[in-house]
Amino acid sequence: MGEEQLQQWAGLRPDHLAEIGHIHPYGERVPTRAANVWLHPNRPGQRDEFSGAPPFRVEVGSGIGVCPTPMTRPRLPLMGLRGLRFANVEVVMDCTRCRVTIRTRRRFWLF
């Protein structure tokens, strides 16, 4: 995410979060910051309206990449596979219905 997104969406500046590493999108060094991501479910059939259901916390042990403001490259996906894999979630894409579902993996206990 960009520094502006972090400020607008979370009310935080990058220096509020500990730097824990870095990634290299587009060959440029981008710091990763210690943070988790909260996914808020939207209303069915709506993109920009929340459903009112509680948000889901995605623990991102490898941190989130926060691109500096002058970086003018195309925007990266806000939540990539690196974070989703660490969180051990299941992502289902239904392209026919234009729907993406993110949920914790189902666990079956026999006993």
Protein backbone atom coordinates (compact mmCIF):
# COMPACT_ATOMS: atom_id res chain seq x y z
CA MET A 1 0.00 0.00 0.00
CA GLY A 2 1.04 3.57 -0.42
CA GLU A 3 1.87 5.93 2.43
CA GLU A 4 -1.25 7.96 1.52
CA GLN A 5 -3.48 4.87 1.82
CA LEU A 6 -2.01 4.05 5.23
CA GLN A 7 -2.74 7.60 6.38
CA GLN A 8 -6.27 7.78 4.90
CA TRP A 9 -7.47 4.30 5.84
CA ALA A 10 -5.73 3.69 9.16
CA GLY A 11 -4.77 7.20 10.31
CA LEU A 12 -1.14 6.08 10.63
CA ARG A 13 2.17 7.29 9.26
CA PRO A 14 4.75 4.67 8.26
CA ASP A 15 6.98 5.61 11.21
CA HIS A 16 4.15 4.54 13.57
CA LEU A 17 4.85 0.93 12.51
CA ALA A 18 8.13 -0.88 13.12
CA GLU A 19 10.16 -1.62 9.99
CA ILE A 20 10.77 -5.38 9.87
CA GLY A 21 12.23 -5.94 6.39
CA HIS A 22 11.79 -4.98 2.78
CA ILE A 23 10.53 -6.19 -0.59
CA HIS A 24 11.56 -5.20 -4.13
CA PRO A 25 8.52 -4.52 -6.33
CA TYR A 26 9.57 -3.08 -9.70
CA GLY A 27 13.20 -3.39 -8.59
CA GLU A 28 12.76 -0.67 -5.96
CA ARG A 29 13.30 -1.21 -2.23
CA VAL A 30 10.06 -0.88 -0.24
CA PRO A 31 10.06 -1.30 3.55
CA THR A 32 7.76 -3.82 5.19
CA ARG A 33 6.10 -2.71 8.42
CA ALA A 34 4.74 -4.76 11.34
CA ALA A 35 0.95 -4.76 10.98
CA ASN A 36 -2.11 -6.93 10.56
CA VAL A 37 -4.86 -6.32 8.03
CA TRP A 38 -8.59 -6.23 8.82
CA LEU A 39 -11.01 -7.29 6.07
CA HIS A 40 -14.48 -5.79 6.37
CA PRO A 41 -17.20 -7.77 4.56
CA ASN A 42 -19.22 -5.82 2.04
CA ARG A 43 -22.97 -6.00 1.48
CA PRO A 44 -23.86 -8.75 -1.00
CA GLY A 45 -23.95 -7.29 -4.49
CA GLN A 46 -22.28 -4.05 -3.38
CA ARG A 47 -18.63 -3.14 -3.66
CA ASP A 48 -18.35 -0.08 -1.42
CA GLU A 49 -20.94 -0.72 1.33
CA PHE A 50 -20.03 -2.66 4.47
CA SER A 51 -22.41 -5.40 5.61
CA GLY A 52 -22.22 -4.58 9.31
CA ALA A 53 -20.71 -8.01 10.06
CA PRO A 54 -17.56 -7.96 12.18
CA PRO A 55 -14.24 -7.58 10.35
CA PHE A 56 -11.84 -10.50 9.91
CA ARG A 57 -8.25 -10.07 11.08
CA VAL A 58 -5.56 -11.37 8.75
CA GLU A 59 -2.31 -11.77 10.67
CA VAL A 60 0.55 -10.85 8.37
CA GLY A 61 3.74 -12.01 10.06
CA SER A 62 5.91 -10.86 7.19
CA GLY A 63 4.48 -7.34 7.46
CA ILE A 64 2.89 -5.03 4.94
CA GLY A 65 4.78 -3.20 2.22
CA VAL A 66 4.37 0.58 2.45
CA CYS A 67 5.46 2.34 -0.75
CA PRO A 68 6.95 5.80 -0.35
CA THR A 69 4.90 8.69 -1.72
CA PRO A 70 7.15 9.50 -4.70
CA MET A 71 6.77 5.94 -6.08
CA THR A 72 4.71 6.42 -9.25
CA ARG A 73 4.51 2.83 -10.52
CA PRO A 74 1.19 1.04 -11.05
CA ARG A 75 -0.48 0.05 -7.81
CA LEU A 76 0.24 -3.44 -6.47
CA PRO A 77 -2.58 -5.62 -5.11
CA LEU A 78 -3.39 -4.38 -1.63
CA MET A 79 -3.60 -7.90 -0.24
CA GLY A 80 -1.30 -10.31 -2.03
CA LEU A 81 -0.77 -14.03 -1.78
CA ARG A 82 2.13 -13.54 0.64
CA GLY A 83 -0.22 -12.24 3.33
CA LEU A 84 -3.09 -14.58 2.52
CA ARG A 85 -0.80 -17.61 2.62
CA PHE A 86 0.65 -16.61 5.99
CA ALA A 87 -2.91 -16.15 7.33
CA ASN A 88 -3.83 -19.65 6.06
CA VAL A 89 -7.08 -18.51 4.47
CA GLU A 90 -9.06 -19.92 1.57
CA VAL A 91 -9.80 -17.62 -1.38
CA VAL A 92 -12.55 -18.58 -3.83
CA MET A 93 -13.05 -16.60 -7.05
CA ASP A 94 -16.35 -16.97 -8.89
CA CYS A 95 -15.71 -15.03 -12.10
CA THR A 96 -19.18 -15.77 -13.50
CA ARG A 97 -20.88 -14.04 -10.57
CA CYS A 98 -18.06 -11.50 -10.03
CA ARG A 99 -17.59 -12.70 -6.45
CA VAL A 100 -14.53 -13.28 -4.27
CA THR A 101 -14.89 -15.09 -0.95
CA ILE A 102 -12.14 -15.09 1.69
CA ARG A 103 -12.57 -17.31 4.73
CA THR A 104 -10.62 -19.39 7.19
CA ARG A 105 -9.99 -22.94 6.11
CA ARG A 106 -12.60 -25.43 7.22
CA ARG A 107 -11.35 -27.94 9.75
CA PHE A 108 -12.98 -31.30 10.18
CA TRP A 109 -12.58 -33.14 13.43
CA LEU A 110 -13.53 -36.80 13.53
CA PHE A 111 -13.32 -37.06 17.30
